[in-house]
PDB file of all heavy atoms in Angstrom:
ATOM      1  N   CYS A   1    -139.862 271.565 168.270  1.00  0.00           N
ATOM      2  CA  CYS A   1    -140.016 271.673 166.820  1.00  0.00           C
ATOM      3  C   CYS A   1    -138.651 271.802 166.144  1.00  0.00           C
ATOM      4  O   CYS A   1    -137.642 272.092 166.778  1.00  0.00           O
ATOM      5  CB  CYS A   1    -140.905 272.856 166.459  1.00  0.00           C
ATOM      6  SG  CYS A   1    -140.156 274.465 166.771  1.00  0.00           S
ATOM      7  N   VAL A   2    -138.665 271.593 164.842  1.00  0.00           N
ATOM      8  CA  VAL A   2    -137.497 271.824 163.996  1.00  0.00           C
ATOM      9  C   VAL A   2    -137.901 272.930 163.022  1.00  0.00           C
ATOM     10  O   VAL A   2    -138.906 272.800 162.331  1.00  0.00           O
ATOM     11  CB  VAL A   2    -137.096 270.546 163.228  1.00  0.00           C
ATOM     12  CG1 VAL A   2    -135.919 270.818 162.309  1.00  0.00           C
ATOM     13  CG2 VAL A   2    -136.781 269.407 164.182  1.00  0.00           C
ATOM     14  N   ILE A   3    -137.121 273.999 162.987  1.00  0.00           N
ATOM     15  CA  ILE A   3    -137.412 275.125 162.100  1.00  0.00           C
ATOM     16  C   ILE A   3    -136.355 275.117 161.008  1.00  0.00           C
ATOM     17  O   ILE A   3    -135.160 275.211 161.290  1.00  0.00           O
ATOM     18  CB  ILE A   3    -137.406 276.457 162.867  1.00  0.00           C
ATOM     19  CG1 ILE A   3    -138.398 276.402 164.029  1.00  0.00           C
ATOM     20  CG2 ILE A   3    -137.742 277.610 161.923  1.00  0.00           C
ATOM     21  CD1 ILE A   3    -138.315 277.580 164.983  1.00  0.00           C
ATOM     22  N   VAL A   4    -136.802 275.000 159.766  1.00  0.00           N
ATOM     23  CA  VAL A   4    -135.872 274.832 158.651  1.00  0.00           C
ATOM     24  C   VAL A   4    -136.342 275.661 157.449  1.00  0.00           C
ATOM     25  O   VAL A   4    -137.534 275.797 157.194  1.00  0.00           O
ATOM     26  CB  VAL A   4    -135.740 273.333 158.280  1.00  0.00           C
ATOM     27  CG1 VAL A   4    -137.066 272.723 157.880  1.00  0.00           C
ATOM     28  CG2 VAL A   4    -134.694 273.113 157.212  1.00  0.00           C
ATOM     29  N   ALA A   5    -135.370 276.198 156.732  1.00  0.00           N
ATOM     30  CA  ALA A   5    -135.654 276.901 155.478  1.00  0.00           C
ATOM     31  C   ALA A   5    -135.460 275.906 154.337  1.00  0.00           C
ATOM     32  O   ALA A   5    -134.364 275.376 154.151  1.00  0.00           O
ATOM     33  CB  ALA A   5    -134.719 278.087 155.309  1.00  0.00           C
ATOM     34  N   VAL A   6    -136.525 275.634 153.609  1.00  0.00           N
ATOM     35  CA  VAL A   6    -136.481 274.706 152.485  1.00  0.00           C
ATOM     36  C   VAL A   6    -136.599 275.513 151.200  1.00  0.00           C
ATOM     37  O   VAL A   6    -137.553 276.280 151.042  1.00  0.00           O
ATOM     38  CB  VAL A   6    -137.622 273.664 152.574  1.00  0.00           C
ATOM     39  CG1 VAL A   6    -137.592 272.726 151.385  1.00  0.00           C
ATOM     40  CG2 VAL A   6    -137.527 272.877 153.878  1.00  0.00           C
ATOM     41  N   PRO A   7    -135.635 275.362 150.274  1.00  0.00           N
ATOM     42  CA  PRO A   7    -135.713 276.109 149.024  1.00  0.00           C
ATOM     43  C   PRO A   7    -137.043 275.860 148.307  1.00  0.00           C
ATOM     44  O   PRO A   7    -137.638 274.792 148.437  1.00  0.00           O
ATOM     45  CB  PRO A   7    -134.550 275.552 148.193  1.00  0.00           C
ATOM     46  CG  PRO A   7    -133.616 274.960 149.191  1.00  0.00           C
ATOM     47  CD  PRO A   7    -134.470 274.485 150.333  1.00  0.00           C
ATOM     48  N   ASN A   8    -137.503 276.847 147.603  1.00  0.00           N
ATOM     49  CA  ASN A   8    -138.742 276.802 146.821  1.00  0.00           C
ATOM     50  C   ASN A   8    -140.009 276.848 147.672  1.00  0.00           C
ATOM     51  O   ASN A   8    -141.103 276.707 147.136  1.00  0.00           O
ATOM     52  CB  ASN A   8    -138.784 275.585 145.892  1.00  0.00           C
ATOM     53  CG  ASN A   8    -137.631 275.586 144.913  1.00  0.00           C
ATOM     54  OD1 ASN A   8    -137.222 276.631 144.413  1.00  0.00           O
ATOM     55  ND2 ASN A   8    -137.084 274.431 144.653  1.00  0.00           N
ATOM     56  N   LEU A   9    -139.874 277.004 148.973  1.00  0.00           N
ATOM     57  CA  LEU A   9    -141.034 277.202 149.836  1.00  0.00           C
ATOM     58  C   LEU A   9    -140.891 278.564 150.495  1.00  0.00           C
ATOM     59  O   LEU A   9    -139.794 278.940 150.897  1.00  0.00           O
ATOM     60  CB  LEU A   9    -141.122 276.110 150.909  1.00  0.00           C
ATOM     61  CG  LEU A   9    -141.395 274.699 150.417  1.00  0.00           C
ATOM     62  CD1 LEU A   9    -141.388 273.730 151.590  1.00  0.00           C
ATOM     63  CD2 LEU A   9    -142.723 274.622 149.685  1.00  0.00           C
ATOM     64  N   ASP A  10    -141.972 279.282 150.604  1.00  0.00           N
ATOM     65  CA  ASP A  10    -141.928 280.611 151.207  1.00  0.00           C
ATOM     66  C   ASP A  10    -141.702 280.513 152.706  1.00  0.00           C
ATOM     67  O   ASP A  10    -142.342 279.715 153.392  1.00  0.00           O
ATOM     68  CB  ASP A  10    -143.243 281.359 150.955  1.00  0.00           C
ATOM     69  CG  ASP A  10    -143.415 281.707 149.481  1.00  0.00           C
ATOM     70  OD1 ASP A  10    -142.395 281.867 148.790  1.00  0.00           O
ATOM     71  OD2 ASP A  10    -144.568 281.816 149.039  1.00  0.00           O
ATOM     72  N   GLY A  11    -140.803 281.325 153.208  1.00  0.00           N
ATOM     73  CA  GLY A  11    -140.562 281.390 154.637  1.00  0.00           C
ATOM     74  C   GLY A  11    -139.922 280.124 155.173  1.00  0.00           C
ATOM     75  O   GLY A  11    -139.422 279.289 154.433  1.00  0.00           O
ATOM     76  N   VAL A  12    -139.950 279.999 156.485  1.00  0.00           N
ATOM     77  CA  VAL A  12    -139.406 278.802 157.126  1.00  0.00           C
ATOM     78  C   VAL A  12    -140.527 277.822 157.399  1.00  0.00           C
ATOM     79  O   VAL A  12    -141.697 278.193 157.469  1.00  0.00           O
ATOM     80  CB  VAL A  12    -138.657 279.148 158.430  1.00  0.00           C
ATOM     81  CG1 VAL A  12    -137.464 280.033 158.153  1.00  0.00           C
ATOM     82  CG2 VAL A  12    -139.583 279.777 159.447  1.00  0.00           C
ATOM     83  N   GLN A  13    -140.153 276.577 157.569  1.00  0.00           N
ATOM     84  CA  GLN A  13    -141.108 275.529 157.894  1.00  0.00           C
ATOM     85  C   GLN A  13    -140.913 275.152 159.357  1.00  0.00           C
ATOM     86  O   GLN A  13    -139.782 274.880 159.785  1.00  0.00           O
ATOM     87  CB  GLN A  13    -140.893 274.311 156.999  1.00  0.00           C
ATOM     88  CG  GLN A  13    -140.938 274.628 155.507  1.00  0.00           C
ATOM     89  CD  GLN A  13    -142.233 275.278 155.091  1.00  0.00           C
ATOM     90  OE1 GLN A  13    -143.307 274.751 155.343  1.00  0.00           O
ATOM     91  NE2 GLN A  13    -142.141 276.449 154.476  1.00  0.00           N
ATOM     92  N   ILE A  14    -141.976 275.169 160.112  1.00  0.00           N
ATOM     93  CA  ILE A  14    -141.931 274.790 161.514  1.00  0.00           C
ATOM     94  C   ILE A  14    -142.506 273.381 161.605  1.00  0.00           C
ATOM     95  O   ILE A  14    -143.692 273.172 161.391  1.00  0.00           O
ATOM     96  CB  ILE A  14    -142.709 275.782 162.385  1.00  0.00           C
ATOM     97  CG1 ILE A  14    -142.127 277.184 162.199  1.00  0.00           C
ATOM     98  CG2 ILE A  14    -142.668 275.355 163.851  1.00  0.00           C
ATOM     99  CD1 ILE A  14    -142.924 278.286 162.854  1.00  0.00           C
ATOM    100  N   VAL A  15    -141.634 272.430 161.898  1.00  0.00           N
ATOM    101  CA  VAL A  15    -141.990 271.015 161.831  1.00  0.00           C
ATOM    102  C   VAL A  15    -142.134 270.462 163.249  1.00  0.00           C
ATOM    103  O   VAL A  15    -141.172 270.435 164.014  1.00  0.00           O
ATOM    104  CB  VAL A  15    -140.922 270.220 161.042  1.00  0.00           C
ATOM    105  CG1 VAL A  15    -141.339 268.773 160.880  1.00  0.00           C
ATOM    106  CG2 VAL A  15    -140.675 270.869 159.683  1.00  0.00           C
ATOM    107  N   TRP A  16    -143.341 270.019 163.574  1.00  0.00           N
ATOM    108  CA  TRP A  16    -143.646 269.471 164.891  1.00  0.00           C
ATOM    109  C   TRP A  16    -143.887 267.972 164.878  1.00  0.00           C
ATOM    110  O   TRP A  16    -144.023 267.366 165.927  1.00  0.00           O
ATOM    111  CB  TRP A  16    -144.906 270.133 165.466  1.00  0.00           C
ATOM    112  CG  TRP A  16    -144.664 271.452 166.088  1.00  0.00           C
ATOM    113  CD1 TRP A  16    -144.907 272.681 165.524  1.00  0.00           C
ATOM    114  CD2 TRP A  16    -144.131 271.723 167.382  1.00  0.00           C
ATOM    115  NE1 TRP A  16    -144.558 273.671 166.396  1.00  0.00           N
ATOM    116  CE2 TRP A  16    -144.082 273.114 167.555  1.00  0.00           C
ATOM    117  CE3 TRP A  16    -143.687 270.910 168.424  1.00  0.00           C
ATOM    118  CZ2 TRP A  16    -143.614 273.712 168.711  1.00  0.00           C
ATOM    119  CZ3 TRP A  16    -143.220 271.510 169.580  1.00  0.00           C
ATOM    120  CH2 TRP A  16    -143.186 272.899 169.713  1.00  0.00           C
ATOM    121  N   SER A  17    -143.969 267.359 163.690  1.00  0.00           N
ATOM    122  CA  SER A  17    -144.373 265.959 163.653  1.00  0.00           C
ATOM    123  C   SER A  17    -143.678 265.191 162.529  1.00  0.00           C
ATOM    124  O   SER A  17    -143.260 265.776 161.523  1.00  0.00           O
ATOM    125  CB  SER A  17    -145.890 265.854 163.444  1.00  0.00           C
ATOM    126  OG  SER A  17    -146.223 266.236 162.129  1.00  0.00           O
ATOM    127  N   PRO A  18    -143.596 263.874 162.689  1.00  0.00           N
ATOM    128  CA  PRO A  18    -143.060 263.037 161.625  1.00  0.00           C
ATOM    129  C   PRO A  18    -143.883 263.127 160.340  1.00  0.00           C
ATOM    130  O   PRO A  18    -143.332 263.026 159.246  1.00  0.00           O
ATOM    131  CB  PRO A  18    -143.114 261.626 162.203  1.00  0.00           C
ATOM    132  CG  PRO A  18    -143.117 261.808 163.676  1.00  0.00           C
ATOM    133  CD  PRO A  18    -143.847 263.091 163.913  1.00  0.00           C
ATOM    134  N   THR A  19    -145.186 263.351 160.464  1.00  0.00           N
ATOM    135  CA  THR A  19    -146.027 263.456 159.269  1.00  0.00           C
ATOM    136  C   THR A  19    -145.617 264.647 158.413  1.00  0.00           C
ATOM    137  O   THR A  19    -145.451 264.521 157.198  1.00  0.00           O
ATOM    138  CB  THR A  19    -147.514 263.579 159.669  1.00  0.00           C
ATOM    139  OG1 THR A  19    -147.894 262.392 160.356  1.00  0.00           O
ATOM    140  CG2 THR A  19    -148.404 263.762 158.456  1.00  0.00           C
ATOM    141  N   PHE A  20    -145.449 265.803 159.038  1.00  0.00           N
ATOM    142  CA  PHE A  20    -145.051 266.987 158.276  1.00  0.00           C
ATOM    143  C   PHE A  20    -143.630 266.817 157.742  1.00  0.00           C
ATOM    144  O   PHE A  20    -143.340 267.198 156.600  1.00  0.00           O
ATOM    145  CB  PHE A  20    -145.191 268.245 159.127  1.00  0.00           C
ATOM    146  CG  PHE A  20    -144.973 269.523 158.366  1.00  0.00           C
ATOM    147  CD1 PHE A  20    -145.468 269.698 157.090  1.00  0.00           C
ATOM    148  CD2 PHE A  20    -144.263 270.560 158.937  1.00  0.00           C
ATOM    149  CE1 PHE A  20    -145.263 270.873 156.386  1.00  0.00           C
ATOM    150  CE2 PHE A  20    -144.058 271.746 158.251  1.00  0.00           C
ATOM    151  CZ  PHE A  20    -144.553 271.908 156.969  1.00  0.00           C
ATOM    152  N   ALA A  21    -142.753 266.225 158.545  1.00  0.00           N
ATOM    153  CA  ALA A  21    -141.385 265.982 158.080  1.00  0.00           C
ATOM    154  C   ALA A  21    -141.379 265.052 156.868  1.00  0.00           C
ATOM    155  O   ALA A  21    -140.680 265.315 155.882  1.00  0.00           O
ATOM    156  CB  ALA A  21    -140.554 265.390 159.214  1.00  0.00           C
ATOM    157  N   ALA A  22    -142.159 263.983 156.920  1.00  0.00           N
ATOM    158  CA  ALA A  22    -142.228 263.045 155.791  1.00  0.00           C
ATOM    159  C   ALA A  22    -142.759 263.730 154.547  1.00  0.00           C
ATOM    160  O   ALA A  22    -142.275 263.482 153.438  1.00  0.00           O
ATOM    161  CB  ALA A  22    -143.100 261.848 156.154  1.00  0.00           C
ATOM    162  N   ARG A  23    -143.735 264.621 154.721  1.00  0.00           N
ATOM    163  CA  ARG A  23    -144.270 265.345 153.566  1.00  0.00           C
ATOM    164  C   ARG A  23    -143.219 266.267 152.966  1.00  0.00           C
ATOM    165  O   ARG A  23    -143.068 266.325 151.735  1.00  0.00           O
ATOM    166  CB  ARG A  23    -145.520 266.129 153.963  1.00  0.00           C
ATOM    167  CG  ARG A  23    -146.262 266.641 152.731  1.00  0.00           C
ATOM    168  CD  ARG A  23    -147.606 267.208 153.053  1.00  0.00           C
ATOM    169  NE  ARG A  23    -147.414 268.596 153.449  1.00  0.00           N
ATOM    170  CZ  ARG A  23    -148.125 269.230 154.372  1.00  0.00           C
ATOM    171  NH1 ARG A  23    -149.073 268.605 155.013  1.00  0.00           N
ATOM    172  NH2 ARG A  23    -147.887 270.474 154.651  1.00  0.00           N
ATOM    173  N   LEU A  24    -142.488 266.980 153.807  1.00  0.00           N
ATOM    174  CA  LEU A  24    -141.415 267.836 153.287  1.00  0.00           C
ATOM    175  C   LEU A  24    -140.364 267.005 152.560  1.00  0.00           C
ATOM    176  O   LEU A  24    -139.917 267.370 151.471  1.00  0.00           O
ATOM    177  CB  LEU A  24    -140.746 268.609 154.428  1.00  0.00           C
ATOM    178  CG  LEU A  24    -141.460 269.830 154.958  1.00  0.00           C
ATOM    179  CD1 LEU A  24    -140.684 270.418 156.132  1.00  0.00           C
ATOM    180  CD2 LEU A  24    -141.634 270.877 153.882  1.00  0.00           C
ATOM    181  N   LEU A  25    -139.973 265.905 153.169  1.00  0.00           N
ATOM    182  CA  LEU A  25    -138.952 265.048 152.566  1.00  0.00           C
ATOM    183  C   LEU A  25    -139.403 264.484 151.219  1.00  0.00           C
ATOM    184  O   LEU A  25    -138.627 264.428 150.266  1.00  0.00           O
ATOM    185  CB  LEU A  25    -138.601 263.899 153.518  1.00  0.00           C
ATOM    186  CG  LEU A  25    -137.796 264.287 154.757  1.00  0.00           C
ATOM    187  CD1 LEU A  25    -137.875 263.185 155.807  1.00  0.00           C
ATOM    188  CD2 LEU A  25    -136.346 264.589 154.399  1.00  0.00           C
ATOM    189  N   SER A  26    -140.639 264.073 151.119  1.00  0.00           N
ATOM    190  CA  SER A  26    -141.104 263.431 149.886  1.00  0.00           C
ATOM    191  C   SER A  26    -141.525 264.407 148.801  1.00  0.00           C
ATOM    192  O   SER A  26    -141.469 264.075 147.621  1.00  0.00           O
ATOM    193  CB  SER A  26    -142.245 262.464 150.186  1.00  0.00           C
ATOM    194  OG  SER A  26    -143.370 263.158 150.683  1.00  0.00           O
ATOM    195  N   GLU A  27    -141.926 265.616 149.174  1.00  0.00           N
ATOM    196  CA  GLU A  27    -142.465 266.547 148.178  1.00  0.00           C
ATOM    197  C   GLU A  27    -141.564 267.745 147.872  1.00  0.00           C
ATOM    198  O   GLU A  27    -141.658 268.300 146.776  1.00  0.00           O
ATOM    199  CB  GLU A  27    -143.821 267.076 148.646  1.00  0.00           C
ATOM    200  CG  GLU A  27    -144.879 266.002 148.749  1.00  0.00           C
ATOM    201  CD  GLU A  27    -146.188 266.518 149.313  1.00  0.00           C
ATOM    202  OE1 GLU A  27    -146.329 267.741 149.539  1.00  0.00           O
ATOM    203  OE2 GLU A  27    -147.084 265.688 149.543  1.00  0.00           O
ATOM    204  N   ASN A  28    -140.740 268.175 148.810  1.00  0.00           N
ATOM    205  CA  ASN A  28    -140.032 269.438 148.631  1.00  0.00           C
ATOM    206  C   ASN A  28    -138.545 269.391 148.946  1.00  0.00           C
ATOM    207  O   ASN A  28    -137.908 270.429 149.027  1.00  0.00           O
ATOM    208  CB  ASN A  28    -140.669 270.524 149.520  1.00  0.00           C
ATOM    209  CG  ASN A  28    -142.120 270.752 149.196  1.00  0.00           C
ATOM    210  OD1 ASN A  28    -142.988 270.306 149.917  1.00  0.00           O
ATOM    211  ND2 ASN A  28    -142.384 271.415 148.094  1.00  0.00           N
ATOM    212  N   TRP A  29    -138.001 268.231 149.139  1.00  0.00           N
ATOM    213  CA  TRP A  29    -136.614 268.146 149.586  1.00  0.00           C
ATOM    214  C   TRP A  29    -135.659 268.393 148.424  1.00  0.00           C
ATOM    215  O   TRP A  29    -135.828 267.835 147.335  1.00  0.00           O
ATOM    216  CB  TRP A  29    -136.346 266.783 150.218  1.00  0.00           C
ATOM    217  CG  TRP A  29    -135.338 266.874 151.312  1.00  0.00           C
ATOM    218  CD1 TRP A  29    -134.092 266.317 151.316  1.00  0.00           C
ATOM    219  CD2 TRP A  29    -135.477 267.563 152.545  1.00  0.00           C
ATOM    220  NE1 TRP A  29    -133.455 266.617 152.489  1.00  0.00           N
ATOM    221  CE2 TRP A  29    -134.287 267.397 153.267  1.00  0.00           C
ATOM    222  CE3 TRP A  29    -136.498 268.324 153.120  1.00  0.00           C
ATOM    223  CZ2 TRP A  29    -134.083 267.947 154.518  1.00  0.00           C
ATOM    224  CZ3 TRP A  29    -136.302 268.867 154.369  1.00  0.00           C
ATOM    225  CH2 TRP A  29    -135.102 268.678 155.053  1.00  0.00           C
ATOM    226  N   PRO A  30    -134.620 269.214 148.629  1.00  0.00           N
ATOM    227  CA  PRO A  30    -133.707 269.553 147.525  1.00  0.00           C
ATOM    228  C   PRO A  30    -132.690 268.459 147.198  1.00  0.00           C
ATOM    229  O   PRO A  30    -132.124 268.455 146.117  1.00  0.00           O
ATOM    230  CB  PRO A  30    -133.005 270.807 148.039  1.00  0.00           C
ATOM    231  CG  PRO A  30    -133.028 270.674 149.528  1.00  0.00           C
ATOM    232  CD  PRO A  30    -134.336 269.982 149.837  1.00  0.00           C
ATOM    233  N   LYS A  31    -132.445 267.532 148.123  1.00  0.00           N
ATOM    234  CA  LYS A  31    -131.434 266.489 147.891  1.00  0.00           C
ATOM    235  C   LYS A  31    -132.040 265.138 148.249  1.00  0.00           C
ATOM    236  O   LYS A  31    -131.981 264.697 149.394  1.00  0.00           O
ATOM    237  CB  LYS A  31    -130.199 266.771 148.744  1.00  0.00           C
ATOM    238  CG  LYS A  31    -129.064 265.792 148.538  1.00  0.00           C
ATOM    239  CD  LYS A  31    -127.829 266.208 149.326  1.00  0.00           C
ATOM    240  CE  LYS A  31    -126.697 265.231 149.313  1.00  0.00           C
ATOM    241  NZ  LYS A  31    -126.509 264.373 148.211  1.00  0.00           N
ATOM    242  N   MET A  32    -132.623 264.475 147.262  1.00  0.00           N
ATOM    243  CA  MET A  32    -133.332 263.220 147.501  1.00  0.00           C
ATOM    244  C   MET A  32    -132.499 261.975 147.202  1.00  0.00           C
ATOM    245  O   MET A  32    -133.034 260.878 147.155  1.00  0.00           O
ATOM    246  CB  MET A  32    -134.608 263.182 146.664  1.00  0.00           C
ATOM    247  CG  MET A  32    -135.620 264.211 147.060  1.00  0.00           C
ATOM    248  SD  MET A  32    -137.085 264.052 146.042  1.00  0.00           S
ATOM    249  CE  MET A  32    -138.258 264.986 146.996  1.00  0.00           C
TER     250      MET A  32
END
């Protein structure tokens, strides 16, 4: 997994899949 702290989201995000990563990138990423 990849464990990352994304601003504006509570706690850390534990990312196990490309689907969750794509969702973070498209919906919550601070530098698009």
